[in-house]
Amino acid sequence: MGQITSTGLIALFAGCLATPLFTYARNLSSDPYLIAAVDATQAGEVGFTLAGEALLLGSVSLGMADYVGLMAVMGGLIGFAVSEETAPEA
């Protein structure tokens, strides 16, 4: 399978499947904390994409700023996951 075909399939699946599922999950709640949890899953996509690229293609060349940014995103996700704070009742 060529690179253009692969890119097209990824765009198709991301646009036609992932986006409606993300929007549906986001609209299930009016609780800001739960909406933030759904939004945080989208930020986690960066780490999974890099890991997949490293495993499948064996080529991940990141600079220092890239690693700092990735650690900031992952640190925020971990902090969000372990926080016991809940949204205040309206």
PDB file of N, CA and C in Angstrom:
ATOM      1  N   MET A   1       0.858  -1.174   0.000  1.00  0.00           N
ATOM      2  CA  MET A   1       0.000   0.000   0.000  1.00  0.00           C
ATOM      3  C   MET A   1       0.901   1.234   0.000  1.00  0.00           C
ATOM      4  N   GLY A   2       0.595   2.169  -0.853  1.00  0.00           N
ATOM      5  CA  GLY A   2       1.423   3.357  -0.972  1.00  0.00           C
ATOM      6  C   GLY A   2       1.154   4.369   0.126  1.00  0.00           C
ATOM      7  N   GLN A   3       2.053   5.321   0.225  1.00  0.00           N
ATOM      8  CA  GLN A   3       1.940   6.345   1.262  1.00  0.00           C
ATOM      9  C   GLN A   3       0.689   7.196   1.067  1.00  0.00           C
ATOM     10  N   ILE A   4       0.342   7.511  -0.169  1.00  0.00           N
ATOM     11  CA  ILE A   4      -0.842   8.336  -0.427  1.00  0.00           C
ATOM     12  C   ILE A   4      -2.105   7.583  -0.032  1.00  0.00           C
ATOM     13  N   THR A   5      -2.172   6.296  -0.344  1.00  0.00           N
ATOM     14  CA  THR A   5      -3.328   5.489   0.043  1.00  0.00           C
ATOM     15  C   THR A   5      -3.432   5.395   1.560  1.00  0.00           C
ATOM     16  N   SER A   6      -2.321   5.162   2.225  1.00  0.00           N
ATOM     17  CA  SER A   6      -2.316   5.082   3.692  1.00  0.00           C
ATOM     18  C   SER A   6      -2.773   6.392   4.313  1.00  0.00           C
ATOM     19  N   THR A   7      -2.261   7.490   3.796  1.00  0.00           N
ATOM     20  CA  THR A   7      -2.644   8.800   4.317  1.00  0.00           C
ATOM     21  C   THR A   7      -4.124   9.054   4.096  1.00  0.00           C
ATOM     22  N   GLY A   8      -4.624   8.677   2.940  1.00  0.00           N
ATOM     23  CA  GLY A   8      -6.050   8.840   2.652  1.00  0.00           C
ATOM     24  C   GLY A   8      -6.925   8.023   3.586  1.00  0.00           C
ATOM     25  N   LEU A   9      -6.523   6.786   3.864  1.00  0.00           N
ATOM     26  CA  LEU A   9      -7.294   5.946   4.787  1.00  0.00           C
ATOM     27  C   LEU A   9      -7.292   6.514   6.202  1.00  0.00           C
ATOM     28  N   ILE A  10      -6.155   7.005   6.635  1.00  0.00           N
ATOM     29  CA  ILE A  10      -6.080   7.609   7.970  1.00  0.00           C
ATOM     30  C   ILE A  10      -6.982   8.829   8.050  1.00  0.00           C
ATOM     31  N   ALA A  11      -6.941   9.670   7.034  1.00  0.00           N
ATOM     32  CA  ALA A  11      -7.798  10.856   7.018  1.00  0.00           C
ATOM     33  C   ALA A  11      -9.269  10.465   7.008  1.00  0.00           C
ATOM     34  N   LEU A  12      -9.612   9.440   6.248  1.00  0.00           N
ATOM     35  CA  LEU A  12     -10.996   8.979   6.187  1.00  0.00           C
ATOM     36  C   LEU A  12     -11.468   8.477   7.545  1.00  0.00           C
ATOM     37  N   PHE A  13     -10.681   7.614   8.168  1.00  0.00           N
ATOM     38  CA  PHE A  13     -11.080   7.065   9.459  1.00  0.00           C
ATOM     39  C   PHE A  13     -11.112   8.130  10.548  1.00  0.00           C
ATOM     40  N   ALA A  14     -10.131   9.009  10.550  1.00  0.00           N
ATOM     41  CA  ALA A  14     -10.090  10.059  11.569  1.00  0.00           C
ATOM     42  C   ALA A  14     -11.246  11.027  11.390  1.00  0.00           C
ATOM     43  N   GLY A  15     -11.546  11.383  10.160  1.00  0.00           N
ATOM     44  CA  GLY A  15     -12.599  12.358   9.909  1.00  0.00           C
ATOM     45  C   GLY A  15     -13.994  11.789  10.016  1.00  0.00           C
ATOM     46  N   CYS A  16     -14.182  10.571   9.544  1.00  0.00           N
ATOM     47  CA  CYS A  16     -15.530  10.001   9.472  1.00  0.00           C
ATOM     48  C   CYS A  16     -15.904   9.144  10.672  1.00  0.00           C
ATOM     49  N   LEU A  17     -14.943   8.615  11.376  1.00  0.00           N
ATOM     50  CA  LEU A  17     -15.250   7.758  12.518  1.00  0.00           C
ATOM     51  C   LEU A  17     -14.875   8.394  13.851  1.00  0.00           C
ATOM     52  N   ALA A  18     -13.652   8.847  13.970  1.00  0.00           N
ATOM     53  CA  ALA A  18     -13.177   9.343  15.260  1.00  0.00           C
ATOM     54  C   ALA A  18     -13.839  10.654  15.657  1.00  0.00           C
ATOM     55  N   THR A  19     -14.008  11.571  14.725  1.00  0.00           N
ATOM     56  CA  THR A  19     -14.579  12.874  15.068  1.00  0.00           C
ATOM     57  C   THR A  19     -16.019  12.769  15.557  1.00  0.00           C
ATOM     58  N   PRO A  20     -16.907  12.026  14.881  1.00  0.00           N
ATOM     59  CA  PRO A  20     -18.268  11.888  15.428  1.00  0.00           C
ATOM     60  C   PRO A  20     -18.298  11.190  16.789  1.00  0.00           C
ATOM     61  N   LEU A  21     -17.432  10.191  16.988  1.00  0.00           N
ATOM     62  CA  LEU A  21     -17.387   9.524  18.293  1.00  0.00           C
ATOM     63  C   LEU A  21     -16.918  10.479  19.383  1.00  0.00           C
ATOM     64  N   PHE A  22     -15.918  11.284  19.068  1.00  0.00           N
ATOM     65  CA  PHE A  22     -15.422  12.275  20.014  1.00  0.00           C
ATOM     66  C   PHE A  22     -16.519  13.283  20.350  1.00  0.00           C
ATOM     67  N   THR A  23     -17.212  13.780  19.340  1.00  0.00           N
ATOM     68  CA  THR A  23     -18.283  14.757  19.558  1.00  0.00           C
ATOM     69  C   THR A  23     -19.421  14.141  20.361  1.00  0.00           C
ATOM     70  N   TYR A  24     -19.779  12.905  20.062  1.00  0.00           N
ATOM     71  CA  TYR A  24     -20.836  12.219  20.805  1.00  0.00           C
ATOM     72  C   TYR A  24     -20.452  12.074  22.281  1.00  0.00           C
ATOM     73  N   ALA A  25     -19.228  11.631  22.542  1.00  0.00           N
ATOM     74  CA  ALA A  25     -18.773  11.465  23.926  1.00  0.00           C
ATOM     75  C   ALA A  25     -18.755  12.798  24.658  1.00  0.00           C
ATOM     76  N   ARG A  26     -18.363  13.837  23.962  1.00  0.00           N
ATOM     77  CA  ARG A  26     -18.292  15.170  24.576  1.00  0.00           C
ATOM     78  C   ARG A  26     -19.682  15.706  24.908  1.00  0.00           C
ATOM     79  N   ASN A  27     -20.656  15.390  24.077  1.00  0.00           N
ATOM     80  CA  ASN A  27     -22.010  15.894  24.281  1.00  0.00           C
ATOM     81  C   ASN A  27     -22.824  15.066  25.271  1.00  0.00           C
ATOM     82  N   LEU A  28     -22.293  13.958  25.738  1.00  0.00           N
ATOM     83  CA  LEU A  28     -23.025  13.128  26.693  1.00  0.00           C
ATOM     84  C   LEU A  28     -23.162  13.787  28.061  1.00  0.00           C
ATOM     85  N   SER A  29     -22.324  14.744  28.372  1.00  0.00           N
ATOM     86  CA  SER A  29     -22.329  15.337  29.702  1.00  0.00           C
ATOM     87  C   SER A  29     -22.338  16.851  29.631  1.00  0.00           C
ATOM     88  N   SER A  30     -22.929  17.439  30.664  1.00  0.00           N
ATOM     89  CA  SER A  30     -22.854  18.898  30.804  1.00  0.00           C
ATOM     90  C   SER A  30     -21.885  19.260  31.934  1.00  0.00           C
ATOM     91  N   ASP A  31     -21.289  18.242  32.553  1.00  0.00           N
ATOM     92  CA  ASP A  31     -20.328  18.449  33.629  1.00  0.00           C
ATOM     93  C   ASP A  31     -18.987  18.886  33.030  1.00  0.00           C
ATOM     94  N   PRO A  32     -18.511  20.083  33.366  1.00  0.00           N
ATOM     95  CA  PRO A  32     -17.256  20.574  32.773  1.00  0.00           C
ATOM     96  C   PRO A  32     -16.066  19.649  33.022  1.00  0.00           C
ATOM     97  N   TYR A  33     -16.034  18.989  34.171  1.00  0.00           N
ATOM     98  CA  TYR A  33     -14.922  18.091  34.483  1.00  0.00           C
ATOM     99  C   TYR A  33     -14.915  16.888  33.541  1.00  0.00           C
ATOM    100  N   LEU A  34     -16.093  16.327  33.269  1.00  0.00           N
ATOM    101  CA  LEU A  34     -16.167  15.183  32.362  1.00  0.00           C
ATOM    102  C   LEU A  34     -15.869  15.594  30.920  1.00  0.00           C
ATOM    103  N   ILE A  35     -16.294  16.785  30.537  1.00  0.00           N
ATOM    104  CA  ILE A  35     -15.975  17.289  29.201  1.00  0.00           C
ATOM    105  C   ILE A  35     -14.464  17.462  29.066  1.00  0.00           C
ATOM    106  N   ALA A  36     -13.822  17.960  30.119  1.00  0.00           N
ATOM    107  CA  ALA A  36     -12.362  18.108  30.097  1.00  0.00           C
ATOM    108  C   ALA A  36     -11.681  16.748  29.984  1.00  0.00           C
ATOM    109  N   ALA A  37     -12.263  15.727  30.605  1.00  0.00           N
ATOM    110  CA  ALA A  37     -11.692  14.380  30.507  1.00  0.00           C
ATOM    111  C   ALA A  37     -11.745  13.874  29.071  1.00  0.00           C
ATOM    112  N   VAL A  38     -12.855  14.117  28.396  1.00  0.00           N
ATOM    113  CA  VAL A  38     -12.967  13.711  26.994  1.00  0.00           C
ATOM    114  C   VAL A  38     -11.963  14.480  26.144  1.00  0.00           C
ATOM    115  N   ASP A  39     -11.848  15.786  26.394  1.00  0.00           N
ATOM    116  CA  ASP A  39     -10.891  16.606  25.642  1.00  0.00           C
ATOM    117  C   ASP A  39      -9.453  16.150  25.882  1.00  0.00           C
ATOM    118  N   ALA A  40      -9.165  15.698  27.090  1.00  0.00           N
ATOM    119  CA  ALA A  40      -7.805  15.260  27.417  1.00  0.00           C
ATOM    120  C   ALA A  40      -7.411  14.020  26.624  1.00  0.00           C
ATOM    121  N   THR A  41      -8.385  13.186  26.276  1.00  0.00           N
ATOM    122  CA  THR A  41      -8.055  12.000  25.490  1.00  0.00           C
ATOM    123  C   THR A  41      -7.497  12.380  24.126  1.00  0.00           C
ATOM    124  N   GLN A  42      -7.959  13.505  23.596  1.00  0.00           N
ATOM    125  CA  GLN A  42      -7.457  13.948  22.301  1.00  0.00           C
ATOM    126  C   GLN A  42      -5.991  14.373  22.402  1.00  0.00           C
ATOM    127  N   ALA A  43      -5.609  14.959  23.516  1.00  0.00           N
ATOM    128  CA  ALA A  43      -4.212  15.356  23.705  1.00  0.00           C
ATOM    129  C   ALA A  43      -3.311  14.129  23.811  1.00  0.00           C
ATOM    130  N   GLY A  44      -3.827  13.041  24.347  1.00  0.00           N
ATOM    131  CA  GLY A  44      -3.048  11.815  24.471  1.00  0.00           C
ATOM    132  C   GLY A  44      -2.724  11.167  23.146  1.00  0.00           C
ATOM    133  N   GLU A  45      -3.413  11.576  22.106  1.00  0.00           N
ATOM    134  CA  GLU A  45      -3.184  11.020  20.777  1.00  0.00           C
ATOM    135  C   GLU A  45      -1.756  11.272  20.295  1.00  0.00           C
ATOM    136  N   VAL A  46      -1.162  12.360  20.728  1.00  0.00           N
ATOM    137  CA  VAL A  46       0.196  12.711  20.300  1.00  0.00           C
ATOM    138  C   VAL A  46       1.192  11.633  20.725  1.00  0.00           C
ATOM    139  N   GLY A  47       1.122  11.230  21.975  1.00  0.00           N
ATOM    140  CA  GLY A  47       2.037  10.205  22.471  1.00  0.00           C
ATOM    141  C   GLY A  47       1.847   8.869  21.782  1.00  0.00           C
ATOM    142  N   PHE A  48       0.597   8.479  21.568  1.00  0.00           N
ATOM    143  CA  PHE A  48       0.330   7.211  20.895  1.00  0.00           C
ATOM    144  C   PHE A  48       0.792   7.237  19.437  1.00  0.00           C
ATOM    145  N   THR A  49       0.647   8.379  18.797  1.00  0.00           N
ATOM    146  CA  THR A  49       1.105   8.508  17.414  1.00  0.00           C
ATOM    147  C   THR A  49       2.621   8.361  17.324  1.00  0.00           C
ATOM    148  N   LEU A  50       3.338   9.009  18.229  1.00  0.00           N
ATOM    149  CA  LEU A  50       4.801   8.894  18.230  1.00  0.00           C
ATOM    150  C   LEU A  50       5.250   7.470  18.535  1.00  0.00           C
ATOM    151  N   ALA A  51       4.574   6.822  19.485  1.00  0.00           N
ATOM    152  CA  ALA A  51       4.926   5.440  19.820  1.00  0.00           C
ATOM    153  C   ALA A  51       4.658   4.519  18.633  1.00  0.00           C
ATOM    154  N   GLY A  52       3.532   4.716  17.963  1.00  0.00           N
ATOM    155  CA  GLY A  52       3.216   3.910  16.787  1.00  0.00           C
ATOM    156  C   GLY A  52       4.209   4.120  15.665  1.00  0.00           C
ATOM    157  N   GLU A  53       4.608   5.369  15.459  1.00  0.00           N
ATOM    158  CA  GLU A  53       5.600   5.661  14.422  1.00  0.00           C
ATOM    159  C   GLU A  53       6.931   4.988  14.739  1.00  0.00           C
ATOM    160  N   ALA A  54       7.332   5.035  16.003  1.00  0.00           N
ATOM    161  CA  ALA A  54       8.599   4.417  16.395  1.00  0.00           C
ATOM    162  C   ALA A  54       8.546   2.900  16.204  1.00  0.00           C
ATOM    163  N   LEU A  55       7.418   2.282  16.562  1.00  0.00           N
ATOM    164  CA  LEU A  55       7.298   0.829  16.439  1.00  0.00           C
ATOM    165  C   LEU A  55       7.161   0.371  14.992  1.00  0.00           C
ATOM    166  N   LEU A  56       6.347   1.082  14.222  1.00  0.00           N
ATOM    167  CA  LEU A  56       6.061   0.632  12.863  1.00  0.00           C
ATOM    168  C   LEU A  56       7.080   1.106  11.836  1.00  0.00           C
ATOM    169  N   LEU A  57       7.570   2.324  12.009  1.00  0.00           N
ATOM    170  CA  LEU A  57       8.487   2.881  11.017  1.00  0.00           C
ATOM    171  C   LEU A  57       9.925   2.954  11.507  1.00  0.00           C
ATOM    172  N   GLY A  58      10.099   2.890  12.815  1.00  0.00           N
ATOM    173  CA  GLY A  58      11.435   2.942  13.372  1.00  0.00           C
ATOM    174  C   GLY A  58      12.134   4.277  13.200  1.00  0.00           C
ATOM    175  N   SER A  59      11.379   5.331  12.996  1.00  0.00           N
ATOM    176  CA  SER A  59      12.025   6.631  12.772  1.00  0.00           C
ATOM    177  C   SER A  59      11.322   7.726  13.564  1.00  0.00           C
ATOM    178  N   VAL A  60      11.868   8.046  14.690  1.00  0.00           N
ATOM    179  CA  VAL A  60      11.372   9.173  15.467  1.00  0.00           C
ATOM    180  C   VAL A  60      12.564  10.074  15.734  1.00  0.00           C
ATOM    181  N   SER A  61      12.577  11.220  15.100  1.00  0.00           N
ATOM    182  CA  SER A  61      13.669  12.168  15.308  1.00  0.00           C
ATOM    183  C   SER A  61      13.082  13.455  15.872  1.00  0.00           C
ATOM    184  N   LEU A  62      13.167  13.593  17.178  1.00  0.00           N
ATOM    185  CA  LEU A  62      12.615  14.756  17.856  1.00  0.00           C
ATOM    186  C   LEU A  62      13.737  15.607  18.421  1.00  0.00           C
ATOM    187  N   GLY A  63      13.488  16.899  18.465  1.00  0.00           N
ATOM    188  CA  GLY A  63      14.427  17.815  19.091  1.00  0.00           C
ATOM    189  C   GLY A  63      14.104  17.983  20.565  1.00  0.00           C
ATOM    190  N   MET A  64      14.916  18.748  21.262  1.00  0.00           N
ATOM    191  CA  MET A  64      14.723  18.962  22.695  1.00  0.00           C
ATOM    192  C   MET A  64      13.378  19.629  22.973  1.00  0.00           C
ATOM    193  N   ALA A  65      12.998  20.618  22.187  1.00  0.00           N
ATOM    194  CA  ALA A  65      11.717  21.304  22.387  1.00  0.00           C
ATOM    195  C   ALA A  65      10.545  20.342  22.202  1.00  0.00           C
ATOM    196  N   ASP A  66      10.673  19.390  21.274  1.00  0.00           N
ATOM    197  CA  ASP A  66       9.624  18.399  21.057  1.00  0.00           C
ATOM    198  C   ASP A  66       9.444  17.509  22.281  1.00  0.00           C
ATOM    199  N   TYR A  67      10.561  17.077  22.858  1.00  0.00           N
ATOM    200  CA  TYR A  67      10.484  16.247  24.060  1.00  0.00           C
ATOM    201  C   TYR A  67       9.895  17.020  25.239  1.00  0.00           C
ATOM    202  N   VAL A  68      10.260  18.275  25.377  1.00  0.00           N
ATOM    203  CA  VAL A  68       9.715  19.102  26.462  1.00  0.00           C
ATOM    204  C   VAL A  68       8.210  19.252  26.293  1.00  0.00           C
ATOM    205  N   GLY A  69       7.759  19.518  25.079  1.00  0.00           N
ATOM    206  CA  GLY A  69       6.329  19.647  24.815  1.00  0.00           C
ATOM    207  C   GLY A  69       5.580  18.356  25.072  1.00  0.00           C
ATOM    208  N   LEU A  70       6.149  17.244  24.639  1.00  0.00           N
ATOM    209  CA  LEU A  70       5.520  15.946  24.860  1.00  0.00           C
ATOM    210  C   LEU A  70       5.422  15.635  26.347  1.00  0.00           C
ATOM    211  N   MET A  71       6.472  15.922  27.096  1.00  0.00           N
ATOM    212  CA  MET A  71       6.441  15.691  28.541  1.00  0.00           C
ATOM    213  C   MET A  71       5.414  16.603  29.224  1.00  0.00           C
ATOM    214  N   ALA A  72       5.254  17.825  28.736  1.00  0.00           N
ATOM    215  CA  ALA A  72       4.256  18.731  29.307  1.00  0.00           C
ATOM    216  C   ALA A  72       2.846  18.191  29.076  1.00  0.00           C
ATOM    217  N   VAL A  73       2.583  17.709  27.866  1.00  0.00           N
ATOM    218  CA  VAL A  73       1.260  17.148  27.563  1.00  0.00           C
ATOM    219  C   VAL A  73       1.012  15.901  28.400  1.00  0.00           C
ATOM    220  N   MET A  74       1.966  14.990  28.429  1.00  0.00           N
ATOM    221  CA  MET A  74       1.797  13.755  29.191  1.00  0.00           C
ATOM    222  C   MET A  74       1.704  14.035  30.694  1.00  0.00           C
ATOM    223  N   GLY A  75       2.490  14.992  31.179  1.00  0.00           N
ATOM    224  CA  GLY A  75       2.400  15.367  32.593  1.00  0.00           C
ATOM    225  C   GLY A  75       1.030  15.920  32.945  1.00  0.00           C
ATOM    226  N   GLY A  76       0.478  16.731  32.065  1.00  0.00           N
ATOM    227  CA  GLY A  76      -0.865  17.259  32.286  1.00  0.00           C
ATOM    228  C   GLY A  76      -1.915  16.168  32.289  1.00  0.00           C
ATOM    229  N   LEU A  77      -1.790  15.210  31.379  1.00  0.00           N
ATOM    230  CA  LEU A  77      -2.741  14.099  31.338  1.00  0.00           C
ATOM    231  C   LEU A  77      -2.651  13.239  32.591  1.00  0.00           C
ATOM    232  N   ILE A  78      -1.434  12.961  33.023  1.00  0.00           N
ATOM    233  CA  ILE A  78      -1.257  12.159  34.237  1.00  0.00           C
ATOM    234  C   ILE A  78      -1.791  12.913  35.448  1.00  0.00           C
ATOM    235  N   GLY A  79      -1.497  14.200  35.524  1.00  0.00           N
ATOM    236  CA  GLY A  79      -2.022  15.011  36.625  1.00  0.00           C
ATOM    237  C   GLY A  79      -3.532  15.039  36.647  1.00  0.00           C
ATOM    238  N   PHE A  80      -4.136  15.143  35.478  1.00  0.00           N
ATOM    239  CA  PHE A  80      -5.596  15.140  35.391  1.00  0.00           C
ATOM    240  C   PHE A  80      -6.159  13.793  35.823  1.00  0.00           C
ATOM    241  N   ALA A  81      -5.485  12.711  35.409  1.00  0.00           N
ATOM    242  CA  ALA A  81      -5.971  11.372  35.721  1.00  0.00           C
ATOM    243  C   ALA A  81      -5.892  11.056  37.207  1.00  0.00           C
ATOM    244  N   VAL A  82      -4.860  11.536  37.885  1.00  0.00           N
ATOM    245  CA  VAL A  82      -4.706  11.191  39.296  1.00  0.00           C
ATOM    246  C   VAL A  82      -5.362  12.194  40.241  1.00  0.00           C
ATOM    247  N   SER A  83      -5.831  13.307  39.707  1.00  0.00           N
ATOM    248  CA  SER A  83      -6.479  14.288  40.585  1.00  0.00           C
ATOM    249  C   SER A  83      -7.816  13.733  41.057  1.00  0.00           C
ATOM    250  N   GLU A  84      -8.126  14.009  42.287  1.00  0.00           N
ATOM    251  CA  GLU A  84      -9.377  13.531  42.858  1.00  0.00           C
ATOM    252  C   GLU A  84     -10.413  14.640  42.914  1.00  0.00           C
ATOM    253  N   GLU A  85     -10.100  15.726  42.290  1.00  0.00           N
ATOM    254  CA  GLU A  85     -10.990  16.873  42.295  1.00  0.00           C
ATOM    255  C   GLU A  85     -12.161  16.617  41.351  1.00  0.00           C
ATOM    256  N   THR A  86     -13.342  17.020  41.762  1.00  0.00           N
ATOM    257  CA  THR A  86     -14.510  16.916  40.898  1.00  0.00           C
ATOM    258  C   THR A  86     -15.090  18.298  40.691  1.00  0.00           C
ATOM    259  N   ALA A  87     -15.895  18.415  39.693  1.00  0.00           N
ATOM    260  CA  ALA A  87     -16.511  19.703  39.388  1.00  0.00           C
ATOM    261  C   ALA A  87     -17.529  20.046  40.472  1.00  0.00           C
ATOM    262  N   PRO A  88     -17.637  21.315  40.850  1.00  0.00           N
ATOM    263  CA  PRO A  88     -18.628  21.704  41.850  1.00  0.00           C
ATOM    264  C   PRO A  88     -20.040  21.541  41.306  1.00  0.00           C
ATOM    265  N   GLU A  89     -20.943  21.225  42.201  1.00  0.00           N
ATOM    266  CA  GLU A  89     -22.345  21.084  41.809  1.00  0.00           C
ATOM    267  C   GLU A  89     -22.905  22.440  41.424  1.00  0.00           C
ATOM    268  N   ALA A  90     -23.663  22.466  40.353  1.00  0.00           N
ATOM    269  CA  ALA A  90     -24.238  23.737  39.883  1.00  0.00           C
ATOM    270  C   ALA A  90     -25.516  24.064  40.624  1.00  0.00           C
TER     271      ALA A  90
END
